[in-house]
Protein backbone atom coordinates (compact mmCIF):
# COMPACT_ATOMS: atom_id res chain seq x y z
CA UNK A 1 24.47 -136.23 -67.35
CA UNK A 2 24.27 -132.83 -68.71
CA UNK A 3 21.50 -130.66 -67.70
CA UNK A 4 18.48 -129.85 -69.68
CA UNK A 5 17.53 -126.35 -70.41
CA UNK A 6 13.65 -126.07 -70.31
CA UNK A 7 12.04 -122.30 -71.26
CA UNK A 8 10.31 -121.92 -67.82
CA UNK A 9 7.69 -119.15 -66.98
CA UNK A 10 6.34 -118.76 -63.12
CA UNK A 11 4.03 -121.54 -62.60
CA UNK A 12 1.30 -119.66 -60.78
CA UNK A 13 0.73 -115.73 -60.66
CA UNK A 14 2.25 -113.89 -57.55
CA UNK A 15 -0.19 -114.16 -55.22
CA UNK A 16 -0.32 -117.61 -55.49
CA UNK A 17 3.68 -118.30 -54.92
CA UNK A 18 4.20 -116.25 -51.96
CA UNK A 19 4.06 -118.84 -49.27
CA UNK A 20 6.38 -121.77 -49.96
CA UNK A 21 5.13 -124.57 -49.89
CA UNK A 22 3.03 -124.56 -52.61
CA UNK A 23 -0.09 -126.36 -51.39
CA UNK A 24 -2.87 -128.23 -53.51
CA UNK A 25 -5.58 -130.30 -51.56
CA UNK A 26 -8.84 -131.89 -52.30
CA UNK A 27 -10.17 -135.18 -52.92
CA UNK A 28 -9.16 -137.99 -55.15
CA UNK A 29 -12.37 -138.13 -56.77
CA UNK A 30 -15.30 -135.79 -57.41
CA UNK A 31 -18.46 -137.66 -55.68
CA UNK A 32 -21.02 -135.11 -56.14
CA UNK A 33 -21.71 -131.52 -55.84
CA UNK A 34 -21.84 -131.51 -52.16
CA UNK A 35 -18.87 -133.20 -51.54
CA UNK A 36 -17.13 -130.79 -53.35
CA UNK A 37 -18.39 -127.99 -51.85
CA UNK A 38 -17.84 -128.92 -48.11
CA UNK A 39 -14.58 -130.07 -49.04
CA UNK A 40 -13.62 -126.72 -50.94
CA UNK A 41 -15.38 -125.01 -48.09
CA UNK A 42 -13.16 -126.51 -45.26
CA UNK A 43 -10.16 -125.95 -47.19
CA UNK A 44 -10.22 -122.97 -48.33
CA UNK A 45 -10.92 -121.48 -44.47
CA UNK A 46 -7.81 -123.66 -43.57
CA UNK A 47 -5.80 -121.45 -46.52
CA UNK A 48 -5.56 -123.85 -49.44
CA UNK A 49 -5.89 -121.89 -52.75
CA UNK A 50 -6.14 -124.43 -55.05
CA UNK A 51 -8.46 -127.25 -55.20
CA UNK A 52 -7.52 -130.59 -56.95
CA UNK A 53 -10.66 -132.95 -57.72
CA UNK A 54 -10.30 -136.26 -59.95
CA UNK A 55 -12.80 -136.14 -63.01
CA UNK A 56 -12.02 -139.04 -65.18
CA UNK A 57 -10.19 -141.54 -62.93
CA UNK A 58 -7.74 -144.17 -64.47
CA UNK A 59 -8.83 -147.38 -62.71
CA UNK A 60 -6.68 -150.62 -63.01
CA UNK A 61 -10.10 -152.57 -62.58
CA UNK A 62 -12.86 -151.76 -64.86
CA UNK A 63 -15.20 -152.45 -61.83
CA UNK A 64 -14.15 -149.60 -59.76
CA UNK A 65 -15.36 -146.25 -59.68
CA UNK A 66 -14.19 -144.46 -62.49
CA UNK A 67 -15.02 -140.59 -61.60
CA UNK A 68 -18.23 -138.83 -62.99
CA UNK A 69 -17.09 -137.12 -65.74
CA UNK A 70 -17.72 -133.82 -67.18
CA UNK A 71 -20.88 -133.39 -65.14
CA UNK A 72 -18.09 -132.62 -62.17
CA UNK A 73 -16.50 -130.03 -63.79
CA UNK A 74 -19.33 -127.29 -63.41
CA UNK A 75 -18.93 -128.20 -59.55
CA UNK A 76 -15.16 -127.05 -60.09
CA UNK A 77 -16.49 -123.93 -62.02
CA UNK A 78 -18.91 -123.32 -58.82
CA UNK A 79 -15.80 -124.05 -56.36
CA UNK A 80 -13.99 -120.89 -58.36
CA UNK A 81 -17.20 -118.70 -58.84
CA UNK A 82 -18.22 -119.04 -55.21
CA UNK A 83 -14.88 -119.42 -53.03
CA UNK A 84 -12.64 -117.68 -55.30
CA UNK A 85 -10.18 -121.10 -55.41
CA UNK A 86 -8.44 -122.20 -58.10
CA UNK A 87 -9.22 -125.84 -59.54
CA UNK A 88 -6.68 -128.34 -61.47
CA UNK A 89 -7.67 -131.64 -62.75
CA UNK A 90 -5.95 -134.71 -64.49
CA UNK A 91 -6.25 -134.67 -67.71
CA UNK A 92 -5.02 -138.34 -69.80
CA UNK A 93 -6.41 -137.40 -73.07
CA UNK A 94 -7.34 -135.02 -75.80
CA UNK A 95 -10.93 -134.88 -75.18
CA UNK A 96 -10.03 -133.85 -71.12
CA UNK A 97 -8.10 -131.09 -72.23
CA UNK A 98 -10.60 -129.62 -74.50
CA UNK A 99 -13.45 -129.85 -71.46
CA UNK A 100 -10.85 -128.88 -69.23
CA UNK A 101 -9.94 -126.03 -71.50
CA UNK A 102 -14.12 -125.51 -71.86
CA UNK A 103 -14.75 -125.09 -68.21
CA UNK A 104 -12.20 -122.57 -67.42
CA UNK A 105 -9.59 -125.43 -65.17
CA UNK A 106 -6.93 -123.02 -64.22
CA UNK A 107 -4.32 -125.80 -64.20
CA UNK A 108 -3.80 -129.62 -65.69
CA UNK A 109 -1.72 -132.37 -63.91
CA UNK A 110 -1.06 -135.89 -66.05
CA UNK A 111 -0.90 -138.84 -64.31
CA UNK A 112 2.11 -141.61 -63.70
CA UNK A 113 0.04 -144.24 -66.38
CA UNK A 114 0.10 -141.30 -68.97
CA UNK A 115 3.77 -140.20 -68.71
CA UNK A 116 4.73 -142.87 -69.27
CA UNK A 117 3.25 -143.36 -72.85
CA UNK A 118 5.03 -140.92 -75.38
CA UNK A 119 2.29 -141.06 -77.80
CA UNK A 120 -0.26 -139.94 -75.43
CA UNK A 121 1.58 -137.01 -74.03
CA UNK A 122 2.36 -135.70 -77.95
CA UNK A 123 -1.15 -135.72 -78.20
CA UNK A 124 -2.07 -133.80 -75.02
CA UNK A 125 1.32 -131.49 -75.90
CA UNK A 126 -0.58 -130.64 -79.18
CA UNK A 127 -3.98 -129.74 -77.67
CA UNK A 128 -2.22 -127.61 -75.34
CA UNK A 129 -0.32 -125.69 -78.09
CA UNK A 130 -1.04 -122.46 -77.94
CA UNK A 131 -2.62 -121.99 -74.79
CA UNK A 132 -0.81 -120.77 -71.12
CA UNK A 133 -2.40 -123.14 -69.03
CA UNK A 134 -0.04 -124.96 -66.32
CA UNK A 135 0.37 -128.43 -66.37
CA UNK A 136 2.19 -130.58 -63.78
CA UNK A 137 3.56 -134.10 -64.87
CA UNK A 138 3.67 -136.77 -62.44
CA UNK A 139 6.24 -139.28 -62.69
CA UNK A 140 6.16 -142.35 -64.86
CA UNK A 141 4.77 -145.22 -62.87
CA UNK A 142 8.20 -147.31 -63.40
CA UNK A 143 11.32 -145.17 -61.98
CA UNK A 144 12.48 -143.80 -65.41
CA UNK A 145 14.12 -140.47 -65.16
CA UNK A 146 14.50 -140.07 -68.70
CA UNK A 147 10.74 -141.05 -69.16
CA UNK A 148 9.36 -137.95 -66.62
CA UNK A 149 11.82 -135.60 -68.57
CA UNK A 150 10.61 -136.46 -72.31
CA UNK A 151 6.92 -135.43 -71.23
CA UNK A 152 8.33 -132.44 -69.93
CA UNK A 153 10.36 -131.73 -73.15
CA UNK A 154 7.36 -132.55 -75.70
CA UNK A 155 5.14 -130.21 -73.75
CA UNK A 156 8.05 -127.22 -73.34
CA UNK A 157 8.29 -127.90 -77.20
CA UNK A 158 4.79 -127.68 -77.77
CA UNK A 159 4.92 -124.02 -76.09
CA UNK A 160 3.93 -124.66 -72.54
CA UNK A 161 6.14 -122.81 -70.16
CA UNK A 162 3.95 -123.21 -67.08
CA UNK A 163 5.11 -126.67 -66.28
CA UNK A 164 6.20 -128.38 -62.19
CA UNK A 165 6.95 -132.19 -61.77
CA UNK A 166 4.57 -133.81 -59.66
CA UNK A 167 6.88 -137.07 -58.01
CA UNK A 168 4.50 -139.59 -56.30
CA UNK A 169 6.70 -143.00 -56.15
CA UNK A 170 7.41 -145.42 -58.51
CA UNK A 171 5.09 -148.98 -57.96
CA UNK A 172 7.14 -152.14 -57.47
CA UNK A 173 6.20 -155.53 -56.55
CA UNK A 174 5.43 -157.21 -53.64
CA UNK A 175 4.84 -155.63 -49.75
CA UNK A 176 6.65 -152.73 -48.77
CA UNK A 177 6.49 -149.32 -46.28
CA UNK A 178 4.69 -147.62 -48.77
CA UNK A 179 2.26 -147.57 -51.25
CA UNK A 180 4.68 -146.50 -54.12
CA UNK A 181 8.52 -146.66 -53.61
CA UNK A 182 9.45 -142.99 -52.74
CA UNK A 183 13.12 -143.41 -55.08
CA UNK A 184 13.92 -139.90 -53.21
CA UNK A 185 17.17 -139.64 -55.27
CA UNK A 186 14.89 -139.63 -58.63
CA UNK A 187 13.49 -136.56 -58.17
CA UNK A 188 16.83 -135.05 -56.85
CA UNK A 189 18.86 -136.10 -59.93
CA UNK A 190 15.75 -134.17 -61.96
CA UNK A 191 16.63 -131.34 -59.55
CA UNK A 192 19.86 -131.14 -60.78
CA UNK A 193 19.01 -132.04 -64.24
CA UNK A 194 16.38 -129.66 -65.47
CA UNK A 195 17.47 -126.23 -63.32
CA UNK A 196 14.45 -124.23 -62.75
CA UNK A 197 11.64 -127.36 -62.79
CA UNK A 198 9.40 -126.52 -59.43
CA UNK A 199 8.89 -130.31 -57.78
CA UNK A 200 5.53 -130.99 -56.20
CA UNK A 201 5.65 -133.77 -54.11
CA UNK A 202 2.53 -135.88 -53.92
CA UNK A 203 2.19 -138.01 -50.09
CA UNK A 204 -0.97 -139.68 -50.51
CA UNK A 205 0.18 -141.68 -53.86
CA UNK A 206 3.59 -142.57 -51.76
CA UNK A 207 2.43 -144.01 -48.53
CA UNK A 208 -1.27 -145.36 -49.30
CA UNK A 209 -2.76 -145.52 -45.93
CA UNK A 210 -2.25 -141.86 -44.52
CA UNK A 211 -0.38 -142.48 -41.55
CA UNK A 212 3.14 -141.24 -43.13
CA UNK A 213 2.13 -138.47 -44.98
CA UNK A 214 3.53 -136.04 -42.37
CA UNK A 215 6.64 -137.79 -42.24
CA UNK A 216 6.57 -137.68 -46.72
CA UNK A 217 5.90 -134.29 -46.03
CA UNK A 218 8.63 -133.17 -44.16
CA UNK A 219 11.01 -134.76 -45.91
CA UNK A 220 9.97 -133.18 -49.40
CA UNK A 221 10.53 -130.37 -47.26
CA UNK A 222 13.69 -131.01 -45.96
CA UNK A 223 15.00 -131.69 -49.91
CA UNK A 224 13.98 -128.26 -50.58
CA UNK A 225 10.98 -129.14 -52.92
CA UNK A 226 8.53 -126.21 -54.04
CA UNK A 227 5.50 -127.98 -52.72
CA UNK A 228 3.15 -131.03 -51.82
CA UNK A 229 -0.15 -132.04 -53.68
CA UNK A 230 -2.61 -134.32 -50.75
CA UNK A 231 -5.47 -135.50 -50.81
CA UNK A 232 -8.70 -134.26 -48.40
CA UNK A 233 -12.29 -135.46 -48.75
CA UNK A 234 -15.37 -133.77 -45.99
CA UNK A 235 -15.65 -138.17 -44.99
CA UNK A 236 -13.08 -140.45 -46.28
CA UNK A 237 -14.80 -143.15 -44.50
CA UNK A 238 -17.41 -142.56 -47.62
CA UNK A 239 -15.23 -142.00 -50.28
CA UNK A 240 -15.74 -143.98 -53.69
CA UNK A 241 -11.93 -144.36 -54.27
CA UNK A 242 -8.78 -144.76 -51.98
CA UNK A 243 -10.28 -143.67 -48.84
CA UNK A 244 -7.45 -145.02 -47.04
CA UNK A 245 -5.59 -141.90 -48.47
CA UNK A 246 -7.50 -138.99 -47.68
CA UNK A 247 -7.42 -136.82 -44.95
CA UNK A 248 -9.82 -134.69 -43.67
CA UNK A 249 -9.20 -130.74 -44.34
CA UNK A 250 -9.04 -130.84 -40.43
CA UNK A 251 -5.86 -133.28 -40.18
CA UNK A 252 -4.76 -131.88 -43.36
CA UNK A 253 -4.55 -128.27 -41.50
CA UNK A 254 -2.94 -130.03 -38.51
CA UNK A 255 -0.43 -131.76 -40.73
CA UNK A 256 0.46 -128.55 -42.59
CA UNK A 257 1.01 -126.17 -39.62
CA UNK A 258 3.64 -128.92 -38.12
CA UNK A 259 5.45 -128.97 -41.17
CA UNK A 260 9.39 -127.08 -40.82
CA UNK A 261 9.94 -125.20 -43.99
CA UNK A 262 13.52 -125.31 -44.57
CA UNK A 263 15.10 -121.50 -46.20
CA UNK A 264 17.62 -122.29 -49.33
CA UNK A 265 20.47 -120.27 -48.22
CA UNK A 266 22.10 -118.58 -44.99
CA UNK A 267 23.83 -115.35 -44.23
CA UNK A 268 25.14 -116.13 -41.11
CA UNK A 269 29.25 -116.31 -41.61
CA UNK A 270 29.91 -118.72 -39.07
CA UNK A 271 27.29 -121.23 -40.63
CA UNK A 272 28.73 -120.13 -44.33
CA UNK A 273 32.34 -120.74 -42.71
CA UNK A 274 32.50 -124.05 -40.70
CA UNK A 275 29.69 -125.26 -43.79
CA UNK A 276 32.81 -124.41 -46.48
CA UNK A 277 35.08 -126.19 -44.47
CA UNK A 278 32.99 -129.57 -44.23
CA UNK A 279 33.13 -129.62 -47.49
CA UNK A 280 36.26 -128.70 -48.25
CA UNK A 281 36.53 -132.37 -45.95
CA UNK A 282 34.04 -134.04 -48.36
CA UNK A 283 35.59 -132.86 -51.36
CA UNK A 284 38.66 -134.96 -49.94
CA UNK A 285 37.49 -137.91 -48.98
CA UNK A 286 36.08 -138.00 -52.84
CA UNK A 287 39.35 -137.78 -54.70
CA UNK A 288 40.54 -140.89 -52.18
CA UNK A 289 37.49 -142.79 -53.00
CA UNK A 290 38.28 -142.03 -56.94
CA UNK A 291 41.66 -142.87 -56.32
CA UNK A 292 40.84 -146.14 -54.47
CA UNK A 293 37.88 -147.16 -57.41
CA UNK A 294 40.93 -146.71 -60.09
CA UNK A 295 43.45 -148.81 -57.64
CA UNK A 296 40.64 -151.30 -57.30
CA UNK A 297 39.47 -151.61 -60.96
CA UNK A 298 43.02 -151.78 -62.45
CA UNK A 299 43.58 -155.07 -59.86
CA UNK A 300 40.13 -156.46 -61.40
CA UNK A 301 41.82 -156.25 -65.06
CA UNK A 302 45.05 -158.19 -63.59
CA UNK A 303 42.66 -160.57 -62.45
CA UNK A 304 40.68 -160.98 -66.04
CA UNK A 305 44.07 -161.39 -67.29
CA UNK A 306 44.58 -164.24 -64.84
CA UNK A 307 41.24 -165.81 -65.55
CA UNK A 308 41.74 -165.12 -69.45
CA UNK A 309 44.35 -167.01 -69.29
CA UNK A 310 43.66 -170.35 -67.19
CA UNK A 311 40.09 -170.20 -69.20
CA UNK A 312 38.43 -169.39 -66.11
CA UNK A 313 34.63 -167.70 -66.38
CA UNK A 314 34.16 -163.76 -65.13
CA UNK A 315 31.61 -164.66 -62.68
CA UNK A 316 32.29 -166.41 -59.51
CA UNK A 317 29.05 -166.08 -57.83
CA UNK A 318 30.60 -167.93 -54.14
CA UNK A 319 33.55 -165.46 -53.87
CA UNK A 320 31.27 -162.70 -54.94
CA UNK A 321 28.50 -163.74 -52.60
CA UNK A 322 31.75 -163.90 -49.39
CA UNK A 323 32.65 -160.47 -50.57
CA UNK A 324 29.16 -158.48 -50.15
CA UNK A 325 28.86 -160.52 -46.87
CA UNK A 326 31.75 -159.66 -45.61
CA UNK A 327 31.47 -155.66 -46.41
CA UNK A 328 28.01 -155.12 -45.54
CA UNK A 329 29.22 -156.87 -42.28
CA UNK A 330 32.75 -154.47 -41.80
CA UNK A 331 30.47 -151.65 -42.59
CA UNK A 332 27.57 -152.35 -39.87
CA UNK A 333 29.95 -151.30 -37.42
CA UNK A 334 30.86 -148.07 -38.31
CA UNK A 335 27.39 -146.56 -39.04
CA UNK A 336 26.30 -147.65 -42.22
CA UNK A 337 23.25 -149.13 -44.28
CA UNK A 338 23.17 -152.43 -45.73
CA UNK A 339 21.32 -151.25 -48.33
CA UNK A 340 23.80 -148.16 -48.80
CA UNK A 341 26.51 -150.66 -49.10
CA UNK A 342 24.92 -153.33 -51.04
CA UNK A 343 24.02 -150.84 -53.93
CA UNK A 344 27.84 -149.39 -53.54
CA UNK A 345 29.15 -152.72 -54.25
CA UNK A 346 26.85 -153.81 -56.65
CA UNK A 347 27.73 -151.29 -59.04
CA UNK A 348 31.64 -151.33 -57.86
CA UNK A 349 31.04 -155.60 -58.78
CA UNK A 350 29.29 -154.54 -62.32
CA UNK A 351 32.04 -152.43 -63.21
CA UNK A 352 34.53 -155.12 -62.40
CA UNK A 353 32.75 -157.40 -64.47
CA UNK A 354 32.68 -154.87 -67.60
CA UNK A 355 36.49 -154.29 -66.91
CA UNK A 356 36.98 -158.30 -67.21
CA UNK A 357 34.99 -158.56 -70.15
CA UNK A 358 36.98 -156.14 -72.05
CA UNK A 359 40.09 -158.14 -71.12
CA UNK A 360 38.28 -161.28 -72.39
CA UNK A 361 38.15 -159.24 -75.80
CA UNK A 362 40.69 -158.43 -76.56
């Protein structure tokens, strides 16, 4: 797929972008003035410059705590005034946008549910036209990269140049290690498709219970992403929403001090020489793979012709299951994961079916 050129400007003033990663932290929900101020004070001591808090909370069930509403914006004004911190909140409709701008909120983010709704995004984009407020866009609930990019495009066409993407994981049915599946390949592909767009990972919403936040944060740094947005509450046990996924400011500070931030490049000549040689070997392997795939598809077409002559169905379920089991078994002794081999051969099998379909229709 082709790259998409957005008209982008730096997300924040230089003083807030001097050190990578960009860290945004604060409670899931603003609950009281005391809770907001105490949390912000402790985060400020830990070196956090950007304070986040949920003002309006889109809850799945109607009886859950849905935020304090506009009253909480006065508390964020106080954080700005007394602690000299930037503040950011989620907006889901035009009313939220107007209220946020009225109270001088420095940055906005758009939640996963809103990103999935192009009508909502367009209304927000229209309301923001003519402003210079930075906007961060969370990935949609479902793993749809084009929907994510489309939201960014709508905002950009409304004149919003200070944009970033927030990778918060994707919903899935059933039990899983994470609350939301990271699907790392999707933000990686976003980076390729939209060059220059900052990507901020949200470990709190990926993990759910906060035991894996360090692991997810480090992986984001290993991939070269630009920042983290992490939920932090002065006393998570008393939180009115998502208490399991919130860290104390002290716990957050401990995680941030452990993070290893990777360099994008190195000037070491020995490193560059060895890297170039290894990449050359990768290129040779990839060309061999392409040639082998071409040969395999030619054989699949011949099988399709044979099936057509005998009036036999394309899909042979037992054969497909045997093939998949055999390939997984063979790969297990070569250090390849079952998941990777299954995904590769699912794609190969689908293309084989496509080729045989063409033969049947000819």
